[in-house]
Amino acid sequence: MKPGPHMRIAVTSRILAAALGGYVLTSLIAVALFLLLRRQGMAQDAALLAPTLGSFIIYAAIIMAVFHARSTTRAWLWMIGVSLPVALLVGLLLRGGGGT
């Protein structure tokens, strides 16, 4: 039995949420961690390396969470709901000079 167009759209939307949305969220988290570690006095190279290595685990967890969500809408809402506060934190840290 061939899947209908609704199912194809839902799967495509989840793939986009996992791949693109997951990449954006992972990047935001990595930048926020870098800025927080720098603010705590960690050396720039170590503060950059730690979130970069951790981002592989974060990205995989986000992808699994997107495909574990009950619906595509919930996956997107979760992705947006988590991304906005992290983006706000990054903005606040950048204004406060967290990266210097």
PDB file of N, CA and C in Angstrom:
ATOM      1  N   MET A   1       0.839  -1.179   0.000  1.00  0.00           N
ATOM      2  CA  MET A   1       0.000   0.000   0.000  1.00  0.00           C
ATOM      3  C   MET A   1       0.889   1.249   0.000  1.00  0.00           C
ATOM      4  N   LYS A   2       0.571   2.145  -0.879  1.00  0.00           N
ATOM      5  CA  LYS A   2       1.352   3.360  -1.059  1.00  0.00           C
ATOM      6  C   LYS A   2       0.888   4.439  -0.077  1.00  0.00           C
ATOM      7  N   PRO A   3       1.849   5.122   0.604  1.00  0.00           N
ATOM      8  CA  PRO A   3       1.431   6.181   1.525  1.00  0.00           C
ATOM      9  C   PRO A   3       0.821   7.356   0.771  1.00  0.00           C
ATOM     10  N   GLY A   4      -0.188   7.973   1.399  1.00  0.00           N
ATOM     11  CA  GLY A   4      -0.881   9.097   0.777  1.00  0.00           C
ATOM     12  C   GLY A   4      -0.065  10.383   0.853  1.00  0.00           C
ATOM     13  N   PRO A   5      -0.562  11.423   0.184  1.00  0.00           N
ATOM     14  CA  PRO A   5       0.171  12.694   0.171  1.00  0.00           C
ATOM     15  C   PRO A   5       0.293  13.324   1.558  1.00  0.00           C
ATOM     16  N   HIS A   6      -0.703  13.097   2.414  1.00  0.00           N
ATOM     17  CA  HIS A   6      -0.631  13.659   3.767  1.00  0.00           C
ATOM     18  C   HIS A   6       0.546  13.067   4.539  1.00  0.00           C
ATOM     19  N   MET A   7       0.726  11.767   4.404  1.00  0.00           N
ATOM     20  CA  MET A   7       1.832  11.095   5.093  1.00  0.00           C
ATOM     21  C   MET A   7       3.173  11.557   4.544  1.00  0.00           C
ATOM     22  N   ARG A   8       3.266  11.730   3.245  1.00  0.00           N
ATOM     23  CA  ARG A   8       4.516  12.196   2.645  1.00  0.00           C
ATOM     24  C   ARG A   8       4.860  13.607   3.119  1.00  0.00           C
ATOM     25  N   ILE A   9       3.873  14.460   3.201  1.00  0.00           N
ATOM     26  CA  ILE A   9       4.102  15.836   3.680  1.00  0.00           C
ATOM     27  C   ILE A   9       4.546  15.814   5.138  1.00  0.00           C
ATOM     28  N   ALA A  10       3.904  14.968   5.946  1.00  0.00           N
ATOM     29  CA  ALA A  10       4.264  14.880   7.362  1.00  0.00           C
ATOM     30  C   ALA A  10       5.695  14.385   7.535  1.00  0.00           C
ATOM     31  N   VAL A  11       6.080  13.382   6.769  1.00  0.00           N
ATOM     32  CA  VAL A  11       7.440  12.853   6.872  1.00  0.00           C
ATOM     33  C   VAL A  11       8.455  13.882   6.380  1.00  0.00           C
ATOM     34  N   THR A  12       8.151  14.561   5.282  1.00  0.00           N
ATOM     35  CA  THR A  12       9.042  15.603   4.765  1.00  0.00           C
ATOM     36  C   THR A  12       9.191  16.728   5.773  1.00  0.00           C
ATOM     37  N   SER A  13       8.101  17.095   6.419  1.00  0.00           N
ATOM     38  CA  SER A  13       8.148  18.156   7.425  1.00  0.00           C
ATOM     39  C   SER A  13       8.995  17.750   8.626  1.00  0.00           C
ATOM     40  N   ARG A  14       8.878  16.499   9.033  1.00  0.00           N
ATOM     41  CA  ARG A  14       9.711  16.021  10.148  1.00  0.00           C
ATOM     42  C   ARG A  14      11.189  16.002   9.762  1.00  0.00           C
ATOM     43  N   ILE A  15      11.467  15.606   8.540  1.00  0.00           N
ATOM     44  CA  ILE A  15      12.855  15.590   8.083  1.00  0.00           C
ATOM     45  C   ILE A  15      13.417  17.014   8.091  1.00  0.00           C
ATOM     46  N   LEU A  16      12.632  17.977   7.614  1.00  0.00           N
ATOM     47  CA  LEU A  16      13.075  19.372   7.637  1.00  0.00           C
ATOM     48  C   LEU A  16      13.259  19.877   9.064  1.00  0.00           C
ATOM     49  N   ALA A  17      12.318  19.514   9.937  1.00  0.00           N
ATOM     50  CA  ALA A  17      12.440  19.929  11.337  1.00  0.00           C
ATOM     51  C   ALA A  17      13.691  19.329  11.967  1.00  0.00           C
ATOM     52  N   ALA A  18      13.942  18.065  11.695  1.00  0.00           N
ATOM     53  CA  ALA A  18      15.106  17.402  12.287  1.00  0.00           C
ATOM     54  C   ALA A  18      16.409  17.934  11.712  1.00  0.00           C
ATOM     55  N   ALA A  19      16.480  18.046  10.396  1.00  0.00           N
ATOM     56  CA  ALA A  19      17.738  18.436   9.758  1.00  0.00           C
ATOM     57  C   ALA A  19      18.012  19.929   9.905  1.00  0.00           C
ATOM     58  N   LEU A  20      17.105  20.758   9.427  1.00  0.00           N
ATOM     59  CA  LEU A  20      17.345  22.202   9.448  1.00  0.00           C
ATOM     60  C   LEU A  20      17.091  22.812  10.822  1.00  0.00           C
ATOM     61  N   GLY A  21      15.933  22.498  11.393  1.00  0.00           N
ATOM     62  CA  GLY A  21      15.625  23.030  12.718  1.00  0.00           C
ATOM     63  C   GLY A  21      16.595  22.512  13.767  1.00  0.00           C
ATOM     64  N   GLY A  22      16.952  21.238  13.659  1.00  0.00           N
ATOM     65  CA  GLY A  22      17.924  20.670  14.589  1.00  0.00           C
ATOM     66  C   GLY A  22      19.284  21.324  14.468  1.00  0.00           C
ATOM     67  N   TYR A  23      19.669  21.646  13.241  1.00  0.00           N
ATOM     68  CA  TYR A  23      20.957  22.316  13.026  1.00  0.00           C
ATOM     69  C   TYR A  23      20.949  23.707  13.654  1.00  0.00           C
ATOM     70  N   VAL A  24      19.867  24.445  13.432  1.00  0.00           N
ATOM     71  CA  VAL A  24      19.770  25.796  14.001  1.00  0.00           C
ATOM     72  C   VAL A  24      19.782  25.735  15.522  1.00  0.00           C
ATOM     73  N   LEU A  25      18.982  24.851  16.096  1.00  0.00           N
ATOM     74  CA  LEU A  25      18.932  24.743  17.554  1.00  0.00           C
ATOM     75  C   LEU A  25      20.274  24.287  18.119  1.00  0.00           C
ATOM     76  N   THR A  26      20.903  23.324  17.490  1.00  0.00           N
ATOM     77  CA  THR A  26      22.216  22.866  17.952  1.00  0.00           C
ATOM     78  C   THR A  26      23.238  23.990  17.892  1.00  0.00           C
ATOM     79  N   SER A  27      23.214  24.755  16.830  1.00  0.00           N
ATOM     80  CA  SER A  27      24.142  25.882  16.700  1.00  0.00           C
ATOM     81  C   SER A  27      23.897  26.924  17.784  1.00  0.00           C
ATOM     82  N   LEU A  28      22.641  27.228  18.047  1.00  0.00           N
ATOM     83  CA  LEU A  28      22.315  28.195  19.095  1.00  0.00           C
ATOM     84  C   LEU A  28      22.804  27.718  20.462  1.00  0.00           C
ATOM     85  N   ILE A  29      22.590  26.443  20.743  1.00  0.00           N
ATOM     86  CA  ILE A  29      23.032  25.885  22.026  1.00  0.00           C
ATOM     87  C   ILE A  29      24.553  25.930  22.128  1.00  0.00           C
ATOM     88  N   ALA A  30      25.251  25.580  21.050  1.00  0.00           N
ATOM     89  CA  ALA A  30      26.716  25.593  21.065  1.00  0.00           C
ATOM     90  C   ALA A  30      27.248  27.011  21.277  1.00  0.00           C
ATOM     91  N   VAL A  31      26.643  27.993  20.619  1.00  0.00           N
ATOM     92  CA  VAL A  31      27.076  29.387  20.800  1.00  0.00           C
ATOM     93  C   VAL A  31      26.801  29.846  22.223  1.00  0.00           C
ATOM     94  N   ALA A  32      25.623  29.509  22.751  1.00  0.00           N
ATOM     95  CA  ALA A  32      25.292  29.905  24.122  1.00  0.00           C
ATOM     96  C   ALA A  32      26.278  29.282  25.117  1.00  0.00           C
ATOM     97  N   LEU A  33      26.596  28.016  24.935  1.00  0.00           N
ATOM     98  CA  LEU A  33      27.560  27.365  25.829  1.00  0.00           C
ATOM     99  C   LEU A  33      28.938  28.003  25.716  1.00  0.00           C
ATOM    100  N   PHE A  34      29.358  28.316  24.495  1.00  0.00           N
ATOM    101  CA  PHE A  34      30.641  28.981  24.302  1.00  0.00           C
ATOM    102  C   PHE A  34      30.672  30.312  25.052  1.00  0.00           C
ATOM    103  N   LEU A  35      29.630  31.115  24.872  1.00  0.00           N
ATOM    104  CA  LEU A  35      29.596  32.425  25.526  1.00  0.00           C
ATOM    105  C   LEU A  35      29.559  32.297  27.050  1.00  0.00           C
ATOM    106  N   LEU A  36      28.816  31.320  27.547  1.00  0.00           N
ATOM    107  CA  LEU A  36      28.766  31.110  28.995  1.00  0.00           C
ATOM    108  C   LEU A  36      30.114  30.644  29.543  1.00  0.00           C
ATOM    109  N   LEU A  37      30.774  29.736  28.837  1.00  0.00           N
ATOM    110  CA  LEU A  37      32.085  29.259  29.283  1.00  0.00           C
ATOM    111  C   LEU A  37      33.127  30.376  29.241  1.00  0.00           C
ATOM    112  N   ARG A  38      33.090  31.205  28.221  1.00  0.00           N
ATOM    113  CA  ARG A  38      34.014  32.338  28.144  1.00  0.00           C
ATOM    114  C   ARG A  38      33.757  33.313  29.280  1.00  0.00           C
ATOM    115  N   ARG A  39      32.493  33.522  29.587  1.00  0.00           N
ATOM    116  CA  ARG A  39      32.139  34.435  30.683  1.00  0.00           C
ATOM    117  C   ARG A  39      32.649  33.907  32.020  1.00  0.00           C
ATOM    118  N   GLN A  40      32.744  32.580  32.142  1.00  0.00           N
ATOM    119  CA  GLN A  40      33.251  31.972  33.377  1.00  0.00           C
ATOM    120  C   GLN A  40      34.780  31.962  33.435  1.00  0.00           C
ATOM    121  N   GLY A  41      35.429  32.456  32.379  1.00  0.00           N
ATOM    122  CA  GLY A  41      36.874  32.573  32.400  1.00  0.00           C
ATOM    123  C   GLY A  41      37.635  31.456  31.720  1.00  0.00           C
ATOM    124  N   MET A  42      36.939  30.564  31.038  1.00  0.00           N
ATOM    125  CA  MET A  42      37.630  29.471  30.348  1.00  0.00           C
ATOM    126  C   MET A  42      38.367  30.036  29.133  1.00  0.00           C
ATOM    127  N   ALA A  43      39.499  29.440  28.808  1.00  0.00           N
ATOM    128  CA  ALA A  43      40.269  29.855  27.628  1.00  0.00           C
ATOM    129  C   ALA A  43      39.421  29.692  26.374  1.00  0.00           C
ATOM    130  N   GLN A  44      39.652  30.578  25.403  1.00  0.00           N
ATOM    131  CA  GLN A  44      38.809  30.609  24.218  1.00  0.00           C
ATOM    132  C   GLN A  44      38.833  29.291  23.442  1.00  0.00           C
ATOM    133  N   ASP A  45      39.991  28.676  23.288  1.00  0.00           N
ATOM    134  CA  ASP A  45      40.058  27.426  22.523  1.00  0.00           C
ATOM    135  C   ASP A  45      39.314  26.293  23.222  1.00  0.00           C
ATOM    136  N   ALA A  46      39.440  26.193  24.525  1.00  0.00           N
ATOM    137  CA  ALA A  46      38.721  25.149  25.272  1.00  0.00           C
ATOM    138  C   ALA A  46      37.224  25.435  25.302  1.00  0.00           C
ATOM    139  N   ALA A  47      36.863  26.719  25.427  1.00  0.00           N
ATOM    140  CA  ALA A  47      35.451  27.092  25.451  1.00  0.00           C
ATOM    141  C   ALA A  47      34.786  26.845  24.102  1.00  0.00           C
ATOM    142  N   LEU A  48      35.566  26.850  23.046  1.00  0.00           N
ATOM    143  CA  LEU A  48      35.026  26.564  21.720  1.00  0.00           C
ATOM    144  C   LEU A  48      34.969  25.065  21.456  1.00  0.00           C
ATOM    145  N   LEU A  49      35.974  24.338  21.916  1.00  0.00           N
ATOM    146  CA  LEU A  49      36.052  22.907  21.644  1.00  0.00           C
ATOM    147  C   LEU A  49      34.971  22.109  22.385  1.00  0.00           C
ATOM    148  N   ALA A  50      34.730  22.431  23.631  1.00  0.00           N
ATOM    149  CA  ALA A  50      33.767  21.664  24.437  1.00  0.00           C
ATOM    150  C   ALA A  50      32.355  21.681  23.838  1.00  0.00           C
ATOM    151  N   PRO A  51      31.771  22.846  23.542  1.00  0.00           N
ATOM    152  CA  PRO A  51      30.429  22.826  22.939  1.00  0.00           C
ATOM    153  C   PRO A  51      30.408  22.229  21.532  1.00  0.00           C
ATOM    154  N   THR A  52      31.506  22.384  20.793  1.00  0.00           N
ATOM    155  CA  THR A  52      31.542  21.812  19.445  1.00  0.00           C
ATOM    156  C   THR A  52      31.482  20.294  19.507  1.00  0.00           C
ATOM    157  N   LEU A  53      32.247  19.689  20.398  1.00  0.00           N
ATOM    158  CA  LEU A  53      32.205  18.231  20.537  1.00  0.00           C
ATOM    159  C   LEU A  53      30.851  17.774  21.089  1.00  0.00           C
ATOM    160  N   GLY A  54      30.322  18.524  22.044  1.00  0.00           N
ATOM    161  CA  GLY A  54      29.023  18.177  22.611  1.00  0.00           C
ATOM    162  C   GLY A  54      27.875  18.345  21.632  1.00  0.00           C
ATOM    163  N   SER A  55      28.081  19.178  20.622  1.00  0.00           N
ATOM    164  CA  SER A  55      27.000  19.448  19.681  1.00  0.00           C
ATOM    165  C   SER A  55      26.608  18.210  18.872  1.00  0.00           C
ATOM    166  N   PHE A  56      27.520  17.266  18.696  1.00  0.00           N
ATOM    167  CA  PHE A  56      27.168  16.044  17.968  1.00  0.00           C
ATOM    168  C   PHE A  56      26.119  15.242  18.736  1.00  0.00           C
ATOM    169  N   ILE A  57      26.275  15.175  20.043  1.00  0.00           N
ATOM    170  CA  ILE A  57      25.303  14.461  20.884  1.00  0.00           C
ATOM    171  C   ILE A  57      23.988  15.231  20.932  1.00  0.00           C
ATOM    172  N   ILE A  58      24.084  16.543  21.052  1.00  0.00           N
ATOM    173  CA  ILE A  58      22.884  17.395  21.109  1.00  0.00           C
ATOM    174  C   ILE A  58      22.086  17.251  19.819  1.00  0.00           C
ATOM    175  N   TYR A  59      22.764  17.310  18.676  1.00  0.00           N
ATOM    176  CA  TYR A  59      22.093  17.212  17.381  1.00  0.00           C
ATOM    177  C   TYR A  59      21.386  15.860  17.239  1.00  0.00           C
ATOM    178  N   ALA A  60      22.063  14.787  17.634  1.00  0.00           N
ATOM    179  CA  ALA A  60      21.449  13.460  17.552  1.00  0.00           C
ATOM    180  C   ALA A  60      20.217  13.372  18.459  1.00  0.00           C
ATOM    181  N   ALA A  61      20.298  13.947  19.663  1.00  0.00           N
ATOM    182  CA  ALA A  61      19.160  13.924  20.583  1.00  0.00           C
ATOM    183  C   ALA A  61      17.980  14.723  20.028  1.00  0.00           C
ATOM    184  N   ILE A  62      18.269  15.856  19.396  1.00  0.00           N
ATOM    185  CA  ILE A  62      17.196  16.667  18.810  1.00  0.00           C
ATOM    186  C   ILE A  62      16.518  15.908  17.674  1.00  0.00           C
ATOM    187  N   ILE A  63      17.299  15.261  16.834  1.00  0.00           N
ATOM    188  CA  ILE A  63      16.722  14.486  15.729  1.00  0.00           C
ATOM    189  C   ILE A  63      15.824  13.377  16.271  1.00  0.00           C
ATOM    190  N   MET A  64      16.285  12.683  17.301  1.00  0.00           N
ATOM    191  CA  MET A  64      15.456  11.621  17.890  1.00  0.00           C
ATOM    192  C   MET A  64      14.181  12.190  18.498  1.00  0.00           C
ATOM    193  N   ALA A  65      14.282  13.356  19.147  1.00  0.00           N
ATOM    194  CA  ALA A  65      13.099  13.972  19.754  1.00  0.00           C
ATOM    195  C   ALA A  65      12.083  14.376  18.695  1.00  0.00           C
ATOM    196  N   VAL A  66      12.555  14.876  17.569  1.00  0.00           N
ATOM    197  CA  VAL A  66      11.632  15.273  16.491  1.00  0.00           C
ATOM    198  C   VAL A  66      10.864  14.062  15.974  1.00  0.00           C
ATOM    199  N   PHE A  67      11.541  12.958  15.768  1.00  0.00           N
ATOM    200  CA  PHE A  67      10.852  11.783  15.254  1.00  0.00           C
ATOM    201  C   PHE A  67      10.074  11.032  16.336  1.00  0.00           C
ATOM    202  N   HIS A  68      10.332  11.355  17.583  1.00  0.00           N
ATOM    203  CA  HIS A  68       9.588  10.744  18.682  1.00  0.00           C
ATOM    204  C   HIS A  68       8.305  11.518  18.994  1.00  0.00           C
ATOM    205  N   ALA A  69       8.212  12.750  18.553  1.00  0.00           N
ATOM    206  CA  ALA A  69       7.034  13.580  18.839  1.00  0.00           C
ATOM    207  C   ALA A  69       5.773  12.924  18.280  1.00  0.00           C
ATOM    208  N   ARG A  70       4.661  13.148  18.953  1.00  0.00           N
ATOM    209  CA  ARG A  70       3.407  12.526  18.536  1.00  0.00           C
ATOM    210  C   ARG A  70       2.915  13.024  17.190  1.00  0.00           C
ATOM    211  N   SER A  71       3.202  14.286  16.884  1.00  0.00           N
ATOM    212  CA  SER A  71       2.766  14.839  15.605  1.00  0.00           C
ATOM    213  C   SER A  71       3.832  15.781  15.070  1.00  0.00           C
ATOM    214  N   THR A  72       3.708  16.066  13.790  1.00  0.00           N
ATOM    215  CA  THR A  72       4.635  17.001  13.158  1.00  0.00           C
ATOM    216  C   THR A  72       4.484  18.384  13.762  1.00  0.00           C
ATOM    217  N   THR A  73       3.263  18.776  14.047  1.00  0.00           N
ATOM    218  CA  THR A  73       3.015  20.091  14.656  1.00  0.00           C
ATOM    219  C   THR A  73       3.696  20.201  16.010  1.00  0.00           C
ATOM    220  N   ARG A  74       3.580  19.168  16.808  1.00  0.00           N
ATOM    221  CA  ARG A  74       4.251  19.183  18.118  1.00  0.00           C
ATOM    222  C   ARG A  74       5.762  19.255  17.968  1.00  0.00           C
ATOM    223  N   ALA A  75       6.296  18.574  16.978  1.00  0.00           N
ATOM    224  CA  ALA A  75       7.745  18.612  16.753  1.00  0.00           C
ATOM    225  C   ALA A  75       8.186  20.031  16.419  1.00  0.00           C
ATOM    226  N   TRP A  76       7.465  20.695  15.518  1.00  0.00           N
ATOM    227  CA  TRP A  76       7.816  22.066  15.150  1.00  0.00           C
ATOM    228  C   TRP A  76       7.628  23.027  16.319  1.00  0.00           C
ATOM    229  N   LEU A  77       6.533  22.873  17.056  1.00  0.00           N
ATOM    230  CA  LEU A  77       6.298  23.762  18.207  1.00  0.00           C
ATOM    231  C   LEU A  77       7.360  23.575  19.273  1.00  0.00           C
ATOM    232  N   TRP A  78       7.774  22.340  19.496  1.00  0.00           N
ATOM    233  CA  TRP A  78       8.839  22.069  20.459  1.00  0.00           C
ATOM    234  C   TRP A  78      10.141  22.720  19.995  1.00  0.00           C
ATOM    235  N   MET A  79      10.429  22.564  18.707  1.00  0.00           N
ATOM    236  CA  MET A  79      11.665  23.120  18.157  1.00  0.00           C
ATOM    237  C   MET A  79      11.680  24.648  18.296  1.00  0.00           C
ATOM    238  N   ILE A  80      10.587  25.284  17.953  1.00  0.00           N
ATOM    239  CA  ILE A  80      10.505  26.744  18.060  1.00  0.00           C
ATOM    240  C   ILE A  80      10.507  27.171  19.526  1.00  0.00           C
ATOM    241  N   GLY A  81       9.775  26.443  20.347  1.00  0.00           N
ATOM    242  CA  GLY A  81       9.696  26.775  21.768  1.00  0.00           C
ATOM    243  C   GLY A  81      11.020  26.685  22.501  1.00  0.00           C
ATOM    244  N   VAL A  82      11.896  25.808  22.068  1.00  0.00           N
ATOM    245  CA  VAL A  82      13.215  25.694  22.684  1.00  0.00           C
ATOM    246  C   VAL A  82      14.188  26.691  22.050  1.00  0.00           C
ATOM    247  N   SER A  83      14.058  26.921  20.752  1.00  0.00           N
ATOM    248  CA  SER A  83      14.987  27.812  20.044  1.00  0.00           C
ATOM    249  C   SER A  83      14.858  29.267  20.485  1.00  0.00           C
ATOM    250  N   LEU A  84      13.656  29.730  20.723  1.00  0.00           N
ATOM    251  CA  LEU A  84      13.469  31.145  21.066  1.00  0.00           C
ATOM    252  C   LEU A  84      14.170  31.550  22.364  1.00  0.00           C
ATOM    253  N   PRO A  85      14.003  30.820  23.473  1.00  0.00           N
ATOM    254  CA  PRO A  85      14.728  31.220  24.681  1.00  0.00           C
ATOM    255  C   PRO A  85      16.248  31.118  24.538  1.00  0.00           C
ATOM    256  N   VAL A  86      16.720  30.110  23.810  1.00  0.00           N
ATOM    257  CA  VAL A  86      18.166  29.981  23.618  1.00  0.00           C
ATOM    258  C   VAL A  86      18.684  31.140  22.772  1.00  0.00           C
ATOM    259  N   ALA A  87      17.930  31.527  21.736  1.00  0.00           N
ATOM    260  CA  ALA A  87      18.325  32.675  20.915  1.00  0.00           C
ATOM    261  C   ALA A  87      18.317  33.952  21.741  1.00  0.00           C
ATOM    262  N   LEU A  88      17.348  34.089  22.621  1.00  0.00           N
ATOM    263  CA  LEU A  88      17.296  35.257  23.504  1.00  0.00           C
ATOM    264  C   LEU A  88      18.507  35.277  24.429  1.00  0.00           C
ATOM    265  N   LEU A  89      18.877  34.128  24.969  1.00  0.00           N
ATOM    266  CA  LEU A  89      20.056  34.038  25.831  1.00  0.00           C
ATOM    267  C   LEU A  89      21.322  34.423  25.069  1.00  0.00           C
ATOM    268  N   VAL A  90      21.462  33.933  23.841  1.00  0.00           N
ATOM    269  CA  VAL A  90      22.621  34.282  23.023  1.00  0.00           C
ATOM    270  C   VAL A  90      22.650  35.786  22.779  1.00  0.00           C
ATOM    271  N   GLY A  91      21.512  36.362  22.461  1.00  0.00           N
ATOM    272  CA  GLY A  91      21.449  37.805  22.251  1.00  0.00           C
ATOM    273  C   GLY A  91      21.848  38.582  23.486  1.00  0.00           C
ATOM    274  N   LEU A  92      21.366  38.159  24.632  1.00  0.00           N
ATOM    275  CA  LEU A  92      21.722  38.840  25.888  1.00  0.00           C
ATOM    276  C   LEU A  92      23.203  38.695  26.199  1.00  0.00           C
ATOM    277  N   LEU A  93      23.750  37.523  25.974  1.00  0.00           N
ATOM    278  CA  LEU A  93      25.183  37.320  26.238  1.00  0.00           C
ATOM    279  C   LEU A  93      26.055  38.119  25.287  1.00  0.00           C
ATOM    280  N   LEU A  94      25.628  38.247  24.024  1.00  0.00           N
ATOM    281  CA  LEU A  94      26.402  39.029  23.077  1.00  0.00           C
ATOM    282  C   LEU A  94      26.356  40.522  23.409  1.00  0.00           C
ATOM    283  N   ARG A  95      25.208  40.998  23.849  1.00  0.00           N
ATOM    284  CA  ARG A  95      25.106  42.408  24.253  1.00  0.00           C
ATOM    285  C   ARG A  95      25.918  42.697  25.508  1.00  0.00           C
ATOM    286  N   GLY A  96      25.996  41.696  26.382  1.00  0.00           N
ATOM    287  CA  GLY A  96      26.734  41.880  27.621  1.00  0.00           C
ATOM    288  C   GLY A  96      28.225  41.635  27.487  1.00  0.00           C
ATOM    289  N   GLY A  97      28.687  41.336  26.281  1.00  0.00           N
ATOM    290  CA  GLY A  97      30.106  41.096  26.078  1.00  0.00           C
ATOM    291  C   GLY A  97      30.556  39.735  26.541  1.00  0.00           C
ATOM    292  N   GLY A  98      29.690  38.717  26.414  1.00  0.00           N
ATOM    293  CA  GLY A  98      30.036  37.376  26.889  1.00  0.00           C
ATOM    294  C   GLY A  98      31.078  36.676  26.066  1.00  0.00           C
ATOM    295  N   GLY A  99      31.352  37.154  24.840  1.00  0.00           N
ATOM    296  CA  GLY A  99      32.297  36.467  23.989  1.00  0.00           C
ATOM    297  C   GLY A  99      33.698  37.037  24.020  1.00  0.00           C
ATOM    298  N   THR A 100      33.964  38.029  24.840  1.00  0.00           N
ATOM    299  CA  THR A 100      35.286  38.653  24.832  1.00  0.00           C
ATOM    300  C   THR A 100      36.137  38.153  25.974  1.00  0.00           C
TER     301      THR A 100
END
